[in-house]
N, C-alpha and C. Protein backbone atom coordinates (compact mmCIF):
# COMPACT_ATOMS: atom_id res chain seq x y z
N UNK A 1 131.81 86.03 144.83
CA UNK A 1 130.78 87.15 144.83
C UNK A 1 131.09 88.01 144.82
N UNK A 2 131.61 88.98 145.62
CA UNK A 2 131.55 89.90 145.57
C UNK A 2 132.62 90.78 144.52
N UNK A 3 133.48 89.28 143.86
CA UNK A 3 134.83 90.42 143.44
C UNK A 3 134.02 90.30 141.71
N UNK A 4 133.27 89.05 141.13
CA UNK A 4 132.36 89.85 139.64
C UNK A 4 132.04 91.08 140.33
N UNK A 5 130.38 91.49 141.41
CA UNK A 5 130.05 92.64 140.93
C UNK A 5 131.31 94.13 141.30
N UNK A 6 132.10 93.97 141.86
CA UNK A 6 132.77 94.96 141.99
C UNK A 6 133.72 95.26 140.75
N UNK A 7 133.73 93.61 139.44
CA UNK A 7 134.44 93.81 138.22
C UNK A 7 133.77 94.57 137.29
N UNK A 8 132.25 94.21 137.84
CA UNK A 8 131.18 94.57 136.54
C UNK A 8 130.70 96.19 136.91
N UNK A 9 131.54 96.41 137.78
CA UNK A 9 130.76 98.31 138.55
C UNK A 9 132.03 99.16 137.55
N UNK A 10 133.17 98.55 137.91
CA UNK A 10 134.62 99.03 137.20
C UNK A 10 134.35 98.97 136.25
N UNK A 11 133.65 98.18 135.16
CA UNK A 11 133.95 98.21 134.37
C UNK A 11 133.21 98.97 133.71
N UNK A 12 131.71 98.73 134.29
CA UNK A 12 130.62 99.93 133.62
C UNK A 12 131.41 101.25 133.92
N UNK A 13 131.96 101.22 134.61
CA UNK A 13 132.23 103.03 134.91
C UNK A 13 133.30 103.37 134.14
N UNK A 14 134.20 102.63 133.54
CA UNK A 14 135.56 102.78 132.66
C UNK A 14 135.61 103.13 131.44
N UNK A 15 133.82 103.42 131.39
CA UNK A 15 133.28 103.65 129.50
C UNK A 15 133.20 105.17 129.37
N UNK A 16 134.09 105.59 128.31
CA UNK A 16 134.10 107.05 128.66
C UNK A 16 132.84 107.01 127.77
N UNK A 17 132.25 108.79 127.94
CA UNK A 17 131.28 109.57 127.57
C UNK A 17 131.42 109.87 126.43
N UNK A 18 132.53 109.44 125.08
CA UNK A 18 131.91 109.64 124.25
C UNK A 18 131.35 107.93 123.31
N UNK A 19 131.31 107.03 124.14
CA UNK A 19 130.22 106.39 123.78
C UNK A 19 129.44 106.49 123.23
N UNK A 20 128.29 107.24 124.19
CA UNK A 20 127.81 107.56 124.58
C UNK A 20 127.10 108.26 122.50
N UNK A 21 125.46 107.64 122.25
CA UNK A 21 125.20 107.87 121.05
C UNK A 21 124.91 109.60 121.24
N UNK A 22 125.32 110.02 119.94
CA UNK A 22 124.83 111.74 120.32
C UNK A 22 123.53 112.08 120.04
N UNK A 23 122.79 112.73 120.68
CA UNK A 23 121.66 113.37 120.18
C UNK A 23 120.96 113.78 119.03
N UNK A 24 122.17 114.45 118.60
CA UNK A 24 122.13 114.66 117.18
C UNK A 24 122.05 113.59 116.25
N UNK A 25 121.95 112.69 115.96
CA UNK A 25 122.52 110.98 115.32
C UNK A 25 120.87 110.43 115.63
N UNK A 26 120.76 110.70 117.23
CA UNK A 26 119.68 109.78 117.38
C UNK A 26 118.25 110.44 116.33
N UNK A 27 118.02 112.02 116.96
CA UNK A 27 116.65 113.08 116.51
C UNK A 27 116.32 113.00 115.29
N UNK A 28 116.51 112.69 114.25
CA UNK A 28 116.31 112.71 113.00
C UNK A 28 116.25 110.86 113.50
N UNK A 29 116.07 110.49 112.90
CA UNK A 29 115.70 108.55 113.50
C UNK A 29 114.13 108.92 114.15
N UNK A 30 114.38 109.74 115.46
CA UNK A 30 113.16 109.59 115.95
C UNK A 30 111.90 110.70 115.80
N UNK A 31 112.37 111.30 115.27
CA UNK A 31 111.34 112.28 114.10
C UNK A 31 110.83 111.15 112.98
N UNK A 32 111.46 110.08 112.46
CA UNK A 32 110.85 109.60 111.32
C UNK A 32 110.02 108.59 112.03
N UNK A 33 110.60 108.06 112.87
CA UNK A 33 110.21 106.86 113.22
C UNK A 33 108.91 107.39 114.05
N UNK A 34 108.44 108.92 114.53
CA UNK A 34 107.07 108.62 115.17
C UNK A 34 106.38 109.27 114.15
N UNK A 35 106.56 110.28 112.82
CA UNK A 35 105.86 110.53 111.73
C UNK A 35 105.42 109.41 111.56
N UNK A 36 106.09 108.17 111.27
CA UNK A 36 105.57 107.05 110.23
C UNK A 36 104.38 106.18 111.45
N UNK A 37 104.95 106.59 112.91
CA UNK A 37 103.21 105.60 113.99
C UNK A 37 102.48 106.58 113.96
N UNK A 38 103.12 107.84 113.65
CA UNK A 38 101.77 108.54 113.39
C UNK A 38 100.45 108.69 112.04
N UNK A 39 101.57 107.79 111.15
CA UNK A 39 100.88 108.05 109.56
C UNK A 39 100.27 106.45 109.70
N UNK A 40 100.47 105.63 110.28
CA UNK A 40 100.29 104.40 110.55
C UNK A 40 98.87 104.61 111.06
N UNK A 41 98.61 105.25 112.61
CA UNK A 41 97.67 105.45 113.63
C UNK A 41 96.47 105.73 112.34
N UNK A 42 97.15 107.00 111.71
CA UNK A 42 95.76 107.60 111.19
C UNK A 42 95.07 106.72 109.68
N UNK A 43 96.06 105.69 109.35
CA UNK A 43 95.20 104.89 107.97
C UNK A 43 94.97 104.01 108.81
N UNK A 44 95.52 103.78 110.10
CA UNK A 44 94.58 102.56 110.33
C UNK A 44 93.37 102.99 111.83
N UNK A 45 93.41 104.10 112.24
CA UNK A 45 92.10 104.89 113.01
C UNK A 45 91.19 105.59 112.27
N UNK A 46 91.35 106.16 111.15
CA UNK A 46 90.44 107.50 110.93
C UNK A 46 90.03 107.00 109.40
N UNK A 47 91.19 107.13 108.65
CA UNK A 47 90.96 106.18 106.77
C UNK A 47 89.22 106.12 107.17
N UNK A 48 89.00 106.32 106.15
CA UNK A 48 87.71 105.67 105.76
C UNK A 48 86.43 106.06 106.94
N UNK A 49 86.87 106.99 108.04
CA UNK A 49 86.04 107.13 108.87
C UNK A 49 84.77 108.32 108.44
N UNK A 50 84.79 109.73 109.39
CA UNK A 50 84.56 111.06 109.20
C UNK A 50 85.41 111.51 108.13
N UNK A 51 86.82 111.61 108.17
CA UNK A 51 87.67 112.31 107.82
C UNK A 51 88.56 111.43 106.42
N UNK A 52 88.56 111.59 105.85
CA UNK A 52 89.57 110.65 104.83
C UNK A 52 90.55 110.86 103.39
N UNK A 53 91.98 110.97 103.23
CA UNK A 53 92.08 111.15 101.85
C UNK A 53 92.31 110.91 100.72
N UNK A 54 91.89 109.28 101.09
CA UNK A 54 91.68 108.81 100.26
C UNK A 54 90.42 107.87 100.06
N UNK A 55 89.82 108.22 98.42
CA UNK A 55 88.20 107.81 98.22
C UNK A 55 88.79 106.45 98.08
N UNK A 56 86.91 105.44 98.25
CA UNK A 56 87.03 104.16 98.14
C UNK A 56 88.09 103.32 99.21
N UNK A 57 87.82 101.79 99.33
CA UNK A 57 87.38 100.95 100.73
C UNK A 57 88.60 100.30 100.14
N UNK A 58 89.90 100.53 99.75
CA UNK A 58 90.73 99.64 99.54
C UNK A 58 91.89 99.61 100.75
N UNK A 59 91.88 101.17 101.26
CA UNK A 59 92.71 101.49 102.60
C UNK A 59 91.99 100.67 103.81
N UNK A 60 90.76 101.12 104.07
CA UNK A 60 89.55 100.23 104.79
C UNK A 60 90.23 98.67 104.98
N UNK A 61 89.71 98.37 103.82
CA UNK A 61 89.80 96.59 103.66
C UNK A 61 91.06 95.88 104.16
N UNK A 62 92.40 96.77 103.70
CA UNK A 62 93.87 96.52 104.23
C UNK A 62 93.92 96.78 105.70
N UNK A 63 93.48 97.86 106.27
CA UNK A 63 93.78 97.70 107.74
C UNK A 63 92.16 97.21 108.41
N UNK A 64 91.81 96.41 108.35
CA UNK A 64 90.69 95.99 108.31
C UNK A 64 90.54 94.86 110.05
N UNK A 65 91.57 94.56 109.54
CA UNK A 65 91.83 93.53 111.21
C UNK A 65 92.51 94.05 111.72
N UNK A 66 93.41 95.43 111.81
CA UNK A 66 94.51 95.95 112.96
C UNK A 66 93.22 96.83 113.20
N UNK A 67 92.44 97.12 112.46
CA UNK A 67 91.10 98.39 113.23
C UNK A 67 90.80 98.15 114.44
N UNK A 68 90.10 96.29 114.36
CA UNK A 68 89.67 95.45 115.19
C UNK A 68 90.29 95.11 116.17
N UNK A 69 91.58 94.89 116.34
CA UNK A 69 92.85 94.29 116.99
C UNK A 69 92.61 96.11 117.68
N UNK A 70 93.04 96.79 117.46
CA UNK A 70 93.10 98.21 118.34
C UNK A 70 91.85 98.76 119.06
N UNK A 71 90.75 98.40 118.80
CA UNK A 71 89.77 98.53 119.14
C UNK A 71 89.24 99.75 118.52
N UNK A 72 88.81 100.52 117.29
CA UNK A 72 88.26 100.76 116.75
C UNK A 72 87.05 100.23 115.75
N UNK A 73 85.94 100.80 115.88
CA UNK A 73 85.21 100.49 115.23
C UNK A 73 84.28 100.69 114.00
N UNK A 74 84.58 100.21 113.14
CA UNK A 74 84.54 100.26 111.78
C UNK A 74 82.66 99.87 110.26
N UNK A 75 82.34 99.38 111.81
CA UNK A 75 80.82 98.99 110.81
C UNK A 75 79.87 98.28 112.07
């Protein structure tokens, strides 16, 4: 059992640092994902409330169930 543990530790320790994903490749995707989440949160939580960008009830009806699922009151 200890042979397996030593082999797995040795395998992990032998990985060169160049294999790690550089932050320069991850950062743009992380920013894009964060902006998409903020935009989705706005449409689910605030659109058709006191502040809205799009007139009408289309967005509200589209995200109506998500509003209730996340605990936002809407009526």
